Amino acid sequence: MDSLDIWTDQLLEVEQKFAESHEILVQLQQELKEAGRKKDMMAIAEVVERLARYGRLFEDIRQSWAGGDDF
């Protein structure tokens, strides 16, 4: 296994962990909304958005490696 394969596997693992965290935080965000905790809900909403953005970034990087793009 070469370095690129190892890095690709690592990014895939990170993407999966981000997706799991995203799911948990979306549920927490909904619970906070239902409890009337608007400030807390908004803070969690920002984290949810950032996790999604970083997850897409990692996916883009991984896909560029699979396509043979050089940086």
PDB file of N, CA and C in Angstrom:
ATOM      1  N   MET A   1       0.858  -1.180   0.000  1.00  0.00           N
ATOM      2  CA  MET A   1       0.000   0.000   0.000  1.00  0.00           C
ATOM      3  C   MET A   1       0.896   1.232   0.000  1.00  0.00           C
ATOM      4  N   ASP A   2       0.674   2.107  -0.965  1.00  0.00           N
ATOM      5  CA  ASP A   2       1.508   3.311  -1.034  1.00  0.00           C
ATOM      6  C   ASP A   2       0.910   4.428  -0.177  1.00  0.00           C
ATOM      7  N   SER A   3       1.656   5.511  -0.081  1.00  0.00           N
ATOM      8  CA  SER A   3       1.247   6.633   0.776  1.00  0.00           C
ATOM      9  C   SER A   3      -0.111   7.187   0.377  1.00  0.00           C
ATOM     10  N   LEU A   4      -0.361   7.310  -0.926  1.00  0.00           N
ATOM     11  CA  LEU A   4      -1.629   7.868  -1.390  1.00  0.00           C
ATOM     12  C   LEU A   4      -2.810   7.011  -0.936  1.00  0.00           C
ATOM     13  N   ASP A   5      -2.651   5.705  -0.971  1.00  0.00           N
ATOM     14  CA  ASP A   5      -3.718   4.812  -0.497  1.00  0.00           C
ATOM     15  C   ASP A   5      -3.961   5.001   0.999  1.00  0.00           C
ATOM     16  N   ILE A   6      -2.891   5.145   1.747  1.00  0.00           N
ATOM     17  CA  ILE A   6      -3.010   5.346   3.204  1.00  0.00           C
ATOM     18  C   ILE A   6      -3.715   6.667   3.486  1.00  0.00           C
ATOM     19  N   TRP A   7      -3.303   7.724   2.785  1.00  0.00           N
ATOM     20  CA  TRP A   7      -3.914   9.035   2.990  1.00  0.00           C
ATOM     21  C   TRP A   7      -5.386   9.023   2.598  1.00  0.00           C
ATOM     22  N   THR A   8      -5.690   8.337   1.509  1.00  0.00           N
ATOM     23  CA  THR A   8      -7.072   8.240   1.057  1.00  0.00           C
ATOM     24  C   THR A   8      -7.925   7.527   2.098  1.00  0.00           C
ATOM     25  N   ASP A   9      -7.396   6.438   2.645  1.00  0.00           N
ATOM     26  CA  ASP A   9      -8.113   5.719   3.698  1.00  0.00           C
ATOM     27  C   ASP A   9      -8.318   6.594   4.931  1.00  0.00           C
ATOM     28  N   GLN A  10      -7.300   7.380   5.271  1.00  0.00           N
ATOM     29  CA  GLN A  10      -7.417   8.263   6.431  1.00  0.00           C
ATOM     30  C   GLN A  10      -8.484   9.328   6.201  1.00  0.00           C
ATOM     31  N   LEU A  11      -8.510   9.915   5.012  1.00  0.00           N
ATOM     32  CA  LEU A  11      -9.534  10.921   4.724  1.00  0.00           C
ATOM     33  C   LEU A  11     -10.927  10.313   4.740  1.00  0.00           C
ATOM     34  N   LEU A  12     -11.061   9.104   4.228  1.00  0.00           N
ATOM     35  CA  LEU A  12     -12.355   8.429   4.239  1.00  0.00           C
ATOM     36  C   LEU A  12     -12.818   8.188   5.680  1.00  0.00           C
ATOM     37  N   GLU A  13     -11.893   7.805   6.536  1.00  0.00           N
ATOM     38  CA  GLU A  13     -12.224   7.603   7.949  1.00  0.00           C
ATOM     39  C   GLU A  13     -12.678   8.913   8.596  1.00  0.00           C
ATOM     40  N   VAL A  14     -11.984   9.995   8.285  1.00  0.00           N
ATOM     41  CA  VAL A  14     -12.364  11.308   8.825  1.00  0.00           C
ATOM     42  C   VAL A  14     -13.754  11.700   8.328  1.00  0.00           C
ATOM     43  N   GLU A  15     -14.017  11.490   7.037  1.00  0.00           N
ATOM     44  CA  GLU A  15     -15.340  11.803   6.481  1.00  0.00           C
ATOM     45  C   GLU A  15     -16.437  11.045   7.223  1.00  0.00           C
ATOM     46  N   GLN A  16     -16.188   9.772   7.499  1.00  0.00           N
ATOM     47  CA  GLN A  16     -17.181   8.962   8.203  1.00  0.00           C
ATOM     48  C   GLN A  16     -17.418   9.471   9.621  1.00  0.00           C
ATOM     49  N   LYS A  17     -16.343   9.847  10.303  1.00  0.00           N
ATOM     50  CA  LYS A  17     -16.476  10.362  11.667  1.00  0.00           C
ATOM     51  C   LYS A  17     -17.182  11.716  11.673  1.00  0.00           C
ATOM     52  N   PHE A  18     -16.886  12.545  10.673  1.00  0.00           N
ATOM     53  CA  PHE A  18     -17.589  13.824  10.556  1.00  0.00           C
ATOM     54  C   PHE A  18     -19.077  13.586  10.326  1.00  0.00           C
ATOM     55  N   ALA A  19     -19.409  12.622   9.492  1.00  0.00           N
ATOM     56  CA  ALA A  19     -20.817  12.319   9.209  1.00  0.00           C
ATOM     57  C   ALA A  19     -21.536  11.852  10.473  1.00  0.00           C
ATOM     58  N   GLU A  20     -20.878  11.017  11.263  1.00  0.00           N
ATOM     59  CA  GLU A  20     -21.469  10.565  12.528  1.00  0.00           C
ATOM     60  C   GLU A  20     -21.680  11.736  13.480  1.00  0.00           C
ATOM     61  N   SER A  21     -20.673  12.591  13.603  1.00  0.00           N
ATOM     62  CA  SER A  21     -20.781  13.769  14.474  1.00  0.00           C
ATOM     63  C   SER A  21     -21.882  14.701  13.981  1.00  0.00           C
ATOM     64  N   HIS A  22     -21.964  14.857  12.682  1.00  0.00           N
ATOM     65  CA  HIS A  22     -22.981  15.711  12.070  1.00  0.00           C
ATOM     66  C   HIS A  22     -24.377  15.223  12.455  1.00  0.00           C
ATOM     67  N   GLU A  23     -24.609  13.929  12.357  1.00  0.00           N
ATOM     68  CA  GLU A  23     -25.919  13.355  12.697  1.00  0.00           C
ATOM     69  C   GLU A  23     -26.280  13.618  14.151  1.00  0.00           C
ATOM     70  N   ILE A  24     -25.323  13.423  15.036  1.00  0.00           N
ATOM     71  CA  ILE A  24     -25.561  13.642  16.468  1.00  0.00           C
ATOM     72  C   ILE A  24     -25.885  15.106  16.732  1.00  0.00           C
ATOM     73  N   LEU A  25     -25.127  15.997  16.119  1.00  0.00           N
ATOM     74  CA  LEU A  25     -25.336  17.425  16.354  1.00  0.00           C
ATOM     75  C   LEU A  25     -26.637  17.930  15.748  1.00  0.00           C
ATOM     76  N   VAL A  26     -27.048  17.382  14.624  1.00  0.00           N
ATOM     77  CA  VAL A  26     -28.342  17.763  14.045  1.00  0.00           C
ATOM     78  C   VAL A  26     -29.463  17.384  15.010  1.00  0.00           C
ATOM     79  N   GLN A  27     -29.362  16.204  15.604  1.00  0.00           N
ATOM     80  CA  GLN A  27     -30.371  15.775  16.578  1.00  0.00           C
ATOM     81  C   GLN A  27     -30.357  16.703  17.801  1.00  0.00           C
ATOM     82  N   LEU A  28     -29.163  17.027  18.284  1.00  0.00           N
ATOM     83  CA  LEU A  28     -29.054  17.937  19.430  1.00  0.00           C
ATOM     84  C   LEU A  28     -29.628  19.302  19.087  1.00  0.00           C
ATOM     85  N   GLN A  29     -29.351  19.778  17.902  1.00  0.00           N
ATOM     86  CA  GLN A  29     -29.877  21.067  17.453  1.00  0.00           C
ATOM     87  C   GLN A  29     -31.403  21.058  17.505  1.00  0.00           C
ATOM     88  N   GLN A  30     -32.011  19.990  17.038  1.00  0.00           N
ATOM     89  CA  GLN A  30     -33.468  19.886  17.054  1.00  0.00           C
ATOM     90  C   GLN A  30     -34.004  19.865  18.492  1.00  0.00           C
ATOM     91  N   GLU A  31     -33.335  19.129  19.353  1.00  0.00           N
ATOM     92  CA  GLU A  31     -33.759  19.062  20.756  1.00  0.00           C
ATOM     93  C   GLU A  31     -33.653  20.430  21.423  1.00  0.00           C
ATOM     94  N   LEU A  32     -32.585  21.151  21.139  1.00  0.00           N
ATOM     95  CA  LEU A  32     -32.428  22.486  21.699  1.00  0.00           C
ATOM     96  C   LEU A  32     -33.508  23.433  21.183  1.00  0.00           C
ATOM     97  N   LYS A  33     -33.836  23.292  19.916  1.00  0.00           N
ATOM     98  CA  LYS A  33     -34.902  24.118  19.339  1.00  0.00           C
ATOM     99  C   LYS A  33     -36.226  23.848  20.047  1.00  0.00           C
ATOM    100  N   GLU A  34     -36.534  22.568  20.239  1.00  0.00           N
ATOM    101  CA  GLU A  34     -37.781  22.194  20.904  1.00  0.00           C
ATOM    102  C   GLU A  34     -37.824  22.670  22.350  1.00  0.00           C
ATOM    103  N   ALA A  35     -36.636  22.769  22.979  1.00  0.00           N
ATOM    104  CA  ALA A  35     -36.565  23.208  24.371  1.00  0.00           C
ATOM    105  C   ALA A  35     -36.532  24.735  24.493  1.00  0.00           C
ATOM    106  N   GLY A  36     -36.553  25.433  23.345  1.00  0.00           N
ATOM    107  CA  GLY A  36     -36.546  26.887  23.379  1.00  0.00           C
ATOM    108  C   GLY A  36     -35.178  27.492  23.654  1.00  0.00           C
ATOM    109  N   ARG A  37     -34.115  26.729  23.441  1.00  0.00           N
ATOM    110  CA  ARG A  37     -32.746  27.205  23.693  1.00  0.00           C
ATOM    111  C   ARG A  37     -32.146  27.750  22.398  1.00  0.00           C
ATOM    112  N   LYS A  38     -32.665  28.906  21.970  1.00  0.00           N
ATOM    113  CA  LYS A  38     -32.322  29.457  20.661  1.00  0.00           C
ATOM    114  C   LYS A  38     -30.826  29.750  20.510  1.00  0.00           C
ATOM    115  N   LYS A  39     -30.205  30.384  21.506  1.00  0.00           N
ATOM    116  CA  LYS A  39     -28.773  30.707  21.397  1.00  0.00           C
ATOM    117  C   LYS A  39     -27.937  29.441  21.266  1.00  0.00           C
ATOM    118  N   ASP A  40     -28.250  28.454  22.084  1.00  0.00           N
ATOM    119  CA  ASP A  40     -27.513  27.186  22.019  1.00  0.00           C
ATOM    120  C   ASP A  40     -27.748  26.497  20.673  1.00  0.00           C
ATOM    121  N   MET A  41     -28.989  26.524  20.208  1.00  0.00           N
ATOM    122  CA  MET A  41     -29.324  25.920  18.931  1.00  0.00           C
ATOM    123  C   MET A  41     -28.549  26.583  17.799  1.00  0.00           C
ATOM    124  N   MET A  42     -28.442  27.909  17.839  1.00  0.00           N
ATOM    125  CA  MET A  42     -27.727  28.643  16.801  1.00  0.00           C
ATOM    126  C   MET A  42     -26.227  28.322  16.828  1.00  0.00           C
ATOM    127  N   ALA A  43     -25.669  28.162  18.015  1.00  0.00           N
ATOM    128  CA  ALA A  43     -24.252  27.814  18.131  1.00  0.00           C
ATOM    129  C   ALA A  43     -24.001  26.429  17.535  1.00  0.00           C
ATOM    130  N   ILE A  44     -24.879  25.493  17.841  1.00  0.00           N
ATOM    131  CA  ILE A  44     -24.756  24.139  17.294  1.00  0.00           C
ATOM    132  C   ILE A  44     -24.971  24.168  15.781  1.00  0.00           C
ATOM    133  N   ALA A  45     -25.878  25.008  15.301  1.00  0.00           N
ATOM    134  CA  ALA A  45     -26.140  25.112  13.863  1.00  0.00           C
ATOM    135  C   ALA A  45     -24.872  25.530  13.119  1.00  0.00           C
ATOM    136  N   GLU A  46     -24.098  26.429  13.707  1.00  0.00           N
ATOM    137  CA  GLU A  46     -22.850  26.849  13.069  1.00  0.00           C
ATOM    138  C   GLU A  46     -21.871  25.685  12.981  1.00  0.00           C
ATOM    139  N   VAL A  47     -21.785  24.904  14.035  1.00  0.00           N
ATOM    140  CA  VAL A  47     -20.898  23.737  14.031  1.00  0.00           C
ATOM    141  C   VAL A  47     -21.364  22.730  12.979  1.00  0.00           C
ATOM    142  N   VAL A  48     -22.672  22.513  12.887  1.00  0.00           N
ATOM    143  CA  VAL A  48     -23.230  21.591  11.896  1.00  0.00           C
ATOM    144  C   VAL A  48     -22.833  22.028  10.487  1.00  0.00           C
ATOM    145  N   GLU A  49     -22.957  23.306  10.213  1.00  0.00           N
ATOM    146  CA  GLU A  49     -22.589  23.835   8.892  1.00  0.00           C
ATOM    147  C   GLU A  49     -21.101  23.654   8.612  1.00  0.00           C
ATOM    148  N   ARG A  50     -20.272  23.925   9.601  1.00  0.00           N
ATOM    149  CA  ARG A  50     -18.822  23.783   9.404  1.00  0.00           C
ATOM    150  C   ARG A  50     -18.433  22.328   9.180  1.00  0.00           C
ATOM    151  N   LEU A  51     -19.021  21.421   9.956  1.00  0.00           N
ATOM    152  CA  LEU A  51     -18.723  19.999   9.759  1.00  0.00           C
ATOM    153  C   LEU A  51     -19.090  19.559   8.345  1.00  0.00           C
ATOM    154  N   ALA A  52     -20.230  19.992   7.882  1.00  0.00           N
ATOM    155  CA  ALA A  52     -20.655  19.639   6.528  1.00  0.00           C
ATOM    156  C   ALA A  52     -19.675  20.193   5.494  1.00  0.00           C
ATOM    157  N   ARG A  53     -19.245  21.422   5.698  1.00  0.00           N
ATOM    158  CA  ARG A  53     -18.306  22.055   4.766  1.00  0.00           C
ATOM    159  C   ARG A  53     -16.962  21.327   4.759  1.00  0.00           C
ATOM    160  N   TYR A  54     -16.445  21.004   5.947  1.00  0.00           N
ATOM    161  CA  TYR A  54     -15.174  20.289   6.024  1.00  0.00           C
ATOM    162  C   TYR A  54     -15.301  18.888   5.436  1.00  0.00           C
ATOM    163  N   GLY A  55     -16.420  18.246   5.677  1.00  0.00           N
ATOM    164  CA  GLY A  55     -16.644  16.921   5.109  1.00  0.00           C
ATOM    165  C   GLY A  55     -16.602  16.956   3.589  1.00  0.00           C
ATOM    166  N   ARG A  56     -17.229  17.973   2.998  1.00  0.00           N
ATOM    167  CA  ARG A  56     -17.196  18.121   1.531  1.00  0.00           C
ATOM    168  C   ARG A  56     -15.779  18.409   1.042  1.00  0.00           C
ATOM    169  N   LEU A  57     -15.035  19.216   1.790  1.00  0.00           N
ATOM    170  CA  LEU A  57     -13.661  19.527   1.426  1.00  0.00           C
ATOM    171  C   LEU A  57     -12.815  18.251   1.402  1.00  0.00           C
ATOM    172  N   PHE A  58     -12.925  17.448   2.450  1.00  0.00           N
ATOM    173  CA  PHE A  58     -12.164  16.204   2.500  1.00  0.00           C
ATOM    174  C   PHE A  58     -12.562  15.265   1.367  1.00  0.00           C
ATOM    175  N   GLU A  59     -13.849  15.205   1.076  1.00  0.00           N
ATOM    176  CA  GLU A  59     -14.323  14.373  -0.020  1.00  0.00           C
ATOM    177  C   GLU A  59     -13.732  14.855  -1.350  1.00  0.00           C
ATOM    178  N   ASP A  60     -13.724  16.168  -1.559  1.00  0.00           N
ATOM    179  CA  ASP A  60     -13.151  16.729  -2.786  1.00  0.00           C
ATOM    180  C   ASP A  60     -11.669  16.386  -2.919  1.00  0.00           C
ATOM    181  N   ILE A  61     -10.938  16.502  -1.818  1.00  0.00           N
ATOM    182  CA  ILE A  61      -9.511  16.173  -1.845  1.00  0.00           C
ATOM    183  C   ILE A  61      -9.316  14.702  -2.202  1.00  0.00           C
ATOM    184  N   ARG A  62     -10.057  13.847  -1.527  1.00  0.00           N
ATOM    185  CA  ARG A  62      -9.941  12.407  -1.769  1.00  0.00           C
ATOM    186  C   ARG A  62     -10.276  12.070  -3.217  1.00  0.00           C
ATOM    187  N   GLN A  63     -11.327  12.683  -3.746  1.00  0.00           N
ATOM    188  CA  GLN A  63     -11.715  12.410  -5.121  1.00  0.00           C
ATOM    189  C   GLN A  63     -10.668  12.936  -6.104  1.00  0.00           C
ATOM    190  N   SER A  64     -10.044  14.063  -5.778  1.00  0.00           N
ATOM    191  CA  SER A  64      -9.000  14.581  -6.669  1.00  0.00           C
ATOM    192  C   SER A  64      -7.801  13.621  -6.689  1.00  0.00           C
ATOM    193  N   TRP A  65      -7.507  13.000  -5.557  1.00  0.00           N
ATOM    194  CA  TRP A  65      -6.427  12.029  -5.528  1.00  0.00           C
ATOM    195  C   TRP A  65      -6.770  10.803  -6.371  1.00  0.00           C
ATOM    196  N   ALA A  66      -8.027  10.387  -6.301  1.00  0.00           N
ATOM    197  CA  ALA A  66      -8.462   9.224  -7.088  1.00  0.00           C
ATOM    198  C   ALA A  66      -8.401   9.529  -8.580  1.00  0.00           C
ATOM    199  N   GLY A  67      -8.579  10.798  -8.928  1.00  0.00           N
ATOM    200  CA  GLY A  67      -8.531  11.215 -10.322  1.00  0.00           C
ATOM    201  C   GLY A  67      -7.120  11.468 -10.816  1.00  0.00           C
ATOM    202  N   GLY A  68      -6.155  11.396  -9.933  1.00  0.00           N
ATOM    203  CA  GLY A  68      -4.766  11.591 -10.331  1.00  0.00           C
ATOM    204  C   GLY A  68      -4.341  13.042 -10.421  1.00  0.00           C
ATOM    205  N   ASP A  69      -5.142  13.962  -9.874  1.00  0.00           N
ATOM    206  CA  ASP A  69      -4.767  15.368  -9.891  1.00  0.00           C
ATOM    207  C   ASP A  69      -3.576  15.604  -8.978  1.00  0.00           C
ATOM    208  N   ASP A  70      -2.677  16.446  -9.424  1.00  0.00           N
ATOM    209  CA  ASP A  70      -1.539  16.840  -8.592  1.00  0.00           C
ATOM    210  C   ASP A  70      -1.833  18.185  -7.962  1.00  0.00           C
ATOM    211  N   PHE A  71      -1.262  18.430  -6.797  1.00  0.00           N
ATOM    212  CA  PHE A  71      -1.442  19.698  -6.107  1.00  0.00           C
ATOM    213  C   PHE A  71      -0.287  20.598  -6.385  1.00  0.00           C
TER     214      PHE A  71
END
